[in-house]
Amino acid sequence: MGRRSAFVELGYDPAYGHVEDYDLWQRAWARGYKLVNLPGIVLRYCVHAGQVSARKSVEQQNKADSVRKRHWRVLLPGLGDGEINGIVEMLREGRGHTPHAFCQAL
């Protein structure tokens, strides 16, 4: 859920098909919109083999990685491509810990 004005201002970017929501959230954050988790369940959906996340998982992962790379470049512009790629790989693999030196940079 969100304010209509934010969706109108930011819009969906067709270059990020299959991850357009993720891209929108990242751009909203970068523009200063406040993002929060709602405490209750607001949506239920069925998971099945024919859904996009199952049929297009590789394409979806690659596009999500490109959104993540753009996000980290905005957040920490001093990092090089190798460092950003390392962060994205770590997140993709589900390794949620970060090196102490990286945390100090935040």
C-alpha atoms as a PDB file:
ATOM      1  CA  MET A   1       0.000   0.000   0.000  1.00  0.00           C
ATOM      2  CA  GLY A   2       1.178   3.470  -0.682  1.00  0.00           C
ATOM      3  CA  ARG A   3       0.220   6.972  -1.590  1.00  0.00           C
ATOM      4  CA  ARG A   4      -1.080   7.387  -5.099  1.00  0.00           C
ATOM      5  CA  SER A   5       1.097  10.468  -5.564  1.00  0.00           C
ATOM      6  CA  ALA A   6       4.245   8.370  -5.082  1.00  0.00           C
ATOM      7  CA  PHE A   7       3.155   5.884  -7.747  1.00  0.00           C
ATOM      8  CA  VAL A   8       2.256   8.701 -10.132  1.00  0.00           C
ATOM      9  CA  GLU A   9       5.571  10.474  -9.535  1.00  0.00           C
ATOM     10  CA  LEU A  10       7.789   7.401  -9.786  1.00  0.00           C
ATOM     11  CA  GLY A  11       5.832   5.082 -12.069  1.00  0.00           C
ATOM     12  CA  TYR A  12       6.876   1.606 -13.143  1.00  0.00           C
ATOM     13  CA  ASP A  13       9.962   1.241 -15.321  1.00  0.00           C
ATOM     14  CA  PRO A  14       9.311  -1.305 -18.108  1.00  0.00           C
ATOM     15  CA  ALA A  15      13.060  -2.029 -18.274  1.00  0.00           C
ATOM     16  CA  TYR A  16      12.624  -3.917 -14.999  1.00  0.00           C
ATOM     17  CA  GLY A  17       9.837  -6.293 -15.985  1.00  0.00           C
ATOM     18  CA  HIS A  18       9.328  -9.139 -13.498  1.00  0.00           C
ATOM     19  CA  VAL A  19      10.933  -7.018 -10.725  1.00  0.00           C
ATOM     20  CA  GLU A  20       9.062  -3.750 -11.297  1.00  0.00           C
ATOM     21  CA  ASP A  21       7.763  -3.620  -7.708  1.00  0.00           C
ATOM     22  CA  TYR A  22      11.255  -4.132  -6.295  1.00  0.00           C
ATOM     23  CA  ASP A  23      12.609  -1.409  -8.586  1.00  0.00           C
ATOM     24  CA  LEU A  24       9.798   0.948  -7.530  1.00  0.00           C
ATOM     25  CA  TRP A  25      10.503   0.367  -3.816  1.00  0.00           C
ATOM     26  CA  GLN A  26      14.218   1.008  -4.285  1.00  0.00           C
ATOM     27  CA  ARG A  27      13.597   4.229  -6.230  1.00  0.00           C
ATOM     28  CA  ALA A  28      11.020   5.370  -3.658  1.00  0.00           C
ATOM     29  CA  TRP A  29      13.554   4.829  -0.873  1.00  0.00           C
ATOM     30  CA  ALA A  30      16.221   6.739  -2.834  1.00  0.00           C
ATOM     31  CA  ARG A  31      13.793   9.673  -3.229  1.00  0.00           C
ATOM     32  CA  GLY A  32      13.151   9.816   0.505  1.00  0.00           C
ATOM     33  CA  TYR A  33       9.797   8.061   0.749  1.00  0.00           C
ATOM     34  CA  LYS A  34       9.257   6.286   4.048  1.00  0.00           C
ATOM     35  CA  LEU A  35       8.775   2.538   3.647  1.00  0.00           C
ATOM     36  CA  VAL A  36       7.337   0.419   6.458  1.00  0.00           C
ATOM     37  CA  ASN A  37       6.102  -3.124   7.001  1.00  0.00           C
ATOM     38  CA  LEU A  38       2.480  -3.450   8.039  1.00  0.00           C
ATOM     39  CA  PRO A  39       1.995  -5.659  11.095  1.00  0.00           C
ATOM     40  CA  GLY A  40      -0.847  -7.755   9.696  1.00  0.00           C
ATOM     41  CA  ILE A  41      -1.478  -9.876   6.633  1.00  0.00           C
ATOM     42  CA  VAL A  42      -2.913  -7.658   3.894  1.00  0.00           C
ATOM     43  CA  LEU A  43      -2.627 -10.013   0.929  1.00  0.00           C
ATOM     44  CA  ARG A  44      -2.735 -13.731   0.217  1.00  0.00           C
ATOM     45  CA  TYR A  45      -1.796 -15.296  -3.071  1.00  0.00           C
ATOM     46  CA  CYS A  46      -1.365 -18.772  -4.507  1.00  0.00           C
ATOM     47  CA  VAL A  47       2.039 -20.169  -5.387  1.00  0.00           C
ATOM     48  CA  HIS A  48       2.130 -22.408  -8.455  1.00  0.00           C
ATOM     49  CA  ALA A  49       4.565 -23.669 -11.102  1.00  0.00           C
ATOM     50  CA  GLY A  50       3.118 -21.382 -13.797  1.00  0.00           C
ATOM     51  CA  GLN A  51       3.784 -18.081 -12.036  1.00  0.00           C
ATOM     52  CA  VAL A  52       6.400 -15.663 -13.327  1.00  0.00           C
ATOM     53  CA  SER A  53       8.791 -16.242 -10.407  1.00  0.00           C
ATOM     54  CA  ALA A  54       8.877 -19.932 -11.320  1.00  0.00           C
ATOM     55  CA  ARG A  55       8.929 -19.580 -15.127  1.00  0.00           C
ATOM     56  CA  LYS A  56      11.291 -16.584 -15.335  1.00  0.00           C
ATOM     57  CA  SER A  57      13.414 -17.113 -12.222  1.00  0.00           C
ATOM     58  CA  VAL A  58      16.798 -16.556 -13.919  1.00  0.00           C
ATOM     59  CA  GLU A  59      15.655 -13.395 -15.713  1.00  0.00           C
ATOM     60  CA  GLN A  60      13.999 -12.172 -12.533  1.00  0.00           C
ATOM     61  CA  GLN A  61      17.159 -12.779 -10.488  1.00  0.00           C
ATOM     62  CA  ASN A  62      19.353 -10.956 -13.029  1.00  0.00           C
ATOM     63  CA  LYS A  63      17.056  -7.933 -13.105  1.00  0.00           C
ATOM     64  CA  ALA A  64      16.804  -7.878  -9.307  1.00  0.00           C
ATOM     65  CA  ASP A  65      20.605  -7.906  -9.164  1.00  0.00           C
ATOM     66  CA  SER A  66      20.744  -4.876 -11.479  1.00  0.00           C
ATOM     67  CA  VAL A  67      18.309  -3.032  -9.165  1.00  0.00           C
ATOM     68  CA  ARG A  68      20.442  -3.990  -6.160  1.00  0.00           C
ATOM     69  CA  LYS A  69      23.627  -2.741  -7.864  1.00  0.00           C
ATOM     70  CA  ARG A  70      22.005   0.595  -8.676  1.00  0.00           C
ATOM     71  CA  HIS A  71      20.770   0.841  -5.078  1.00  0.00           C
ATOM     72  CA  TRP A  72      24.231   0.252  -3.589  1.00  0.00           C
ATOM     73  CA  ARG A  73      25.835   2.732  -5.992  1.00  0.00           C
ATOM     74  CA  VAL A  74      23.434   5.402  -4.704  1.00  0.00           C
ATOM     75  CA  LEU A  75      23.852   4.393  -1.061  1.00  0.00           C
ATOM     76  CA  LEU A  76      27.660   4.118  -1.137  1.00  0.00           C
ATOM     77  CA  PRO A  77      28.990   5.947  -4.201  1.00  0.00           C
ATOM     78  CA  GLY A  78      32.610   5.418  -3.156  1.00  0.00           C
ATOM     79  CA  LEU A  79      32.462   1.657  -3.699  1.00  0.00           C
ATOM     80  CA  GLY A  80      33.865   0.160  -6.876  1.00  0.00           C
ATOM     81  CA  ASP A  81      32.116  -2.340  -9.132  1.00  0.00           C
ATOM     82  CA  GLY A  82      33.938  -5.287  -7.539  1.00  0.00           C
ATOM     83  CA  GLU A  83      32.788  -4.337  -4.059  1.00  0.00           C
ATOM     84  CA  ILE A  84      29.213  -3.748  -5.212  1.00  0.00           C
ATOM     85  CA  ASN A  85      29.175  -7.082  -7.066  1.00  0.00           C
ATOM     86  CA  GLY A  86      30.418  -8.749  -3.863  1.00  0.00           C
ATOM     87  CA  ILE A  87      27.596  -7.231  -1.815  1.00  0.00           C
ATOM     88  CA  VAL A  88      24.982  -8.270  -4.378  1.00  0.00           C
ATOM     89  CA  GLU A  89      26.376 -11.807  -4.518  1.00  0.00           C
ATOM     90  CA  MET A  90      26.360 -12.029  -0.732  1.00  0.00           C
ATOM     91  CA  LEU A  91      22.726 -10.911  -0.591  1.00  0.00           C
ATOM     92  CA  ARG A  92      21.711 -13.267  -3.410  1.00  0.00           C
ATOM     93  CA  GLU A  93      23.238 -16.191  -1.539  1.00  0.00           C
ATOM     94  CA  GLY A  94      21.379 -15.235   1.622  1.00  0.00           C
ATOM     95  CA  ARG A  95      24.463 -14.398   3.633  1.00  0.00           C
ATOM     96  CA  GLY A  96      23.070 -11.557   5.729  1.00  0.00           C
ATOM     97  CA  HIS A  97      26.210 -10.701   7.671  1.00  0.00           C
ATOM     98  CA  THR A  98      28.535  -7.959   6.519  1.00  0.00           C
ATOM     99  CA  PRO A  99      32.229  -7.390   7.250  1.00  0.00           C
ATOM    100  CA  HIS A 100      32.945  -5.001  10.102  1.00  0.00           C
ATOM    101  CA  ALA A 101      34.775  -2.548   7.816  1.00  0.00           C
ATOM    102  CA  PHE A 102      31.740  -2.385   5.524  1.00  0.00           C
ATOM    103  CA  CYS A 103      29.403  -1.617   8.434  1.00  0.00           C
ATOM    104  CA  GLN A 104      31.643   1.238   9.515  1.00  0.00           C
ATOM    105  CA  ALA A 105      31.323   2.753   6.031  1.00  0.00           C
ATOM    106  CA  LEU A 106      27.567   3.097   6.537  1.00  0.00           C
END
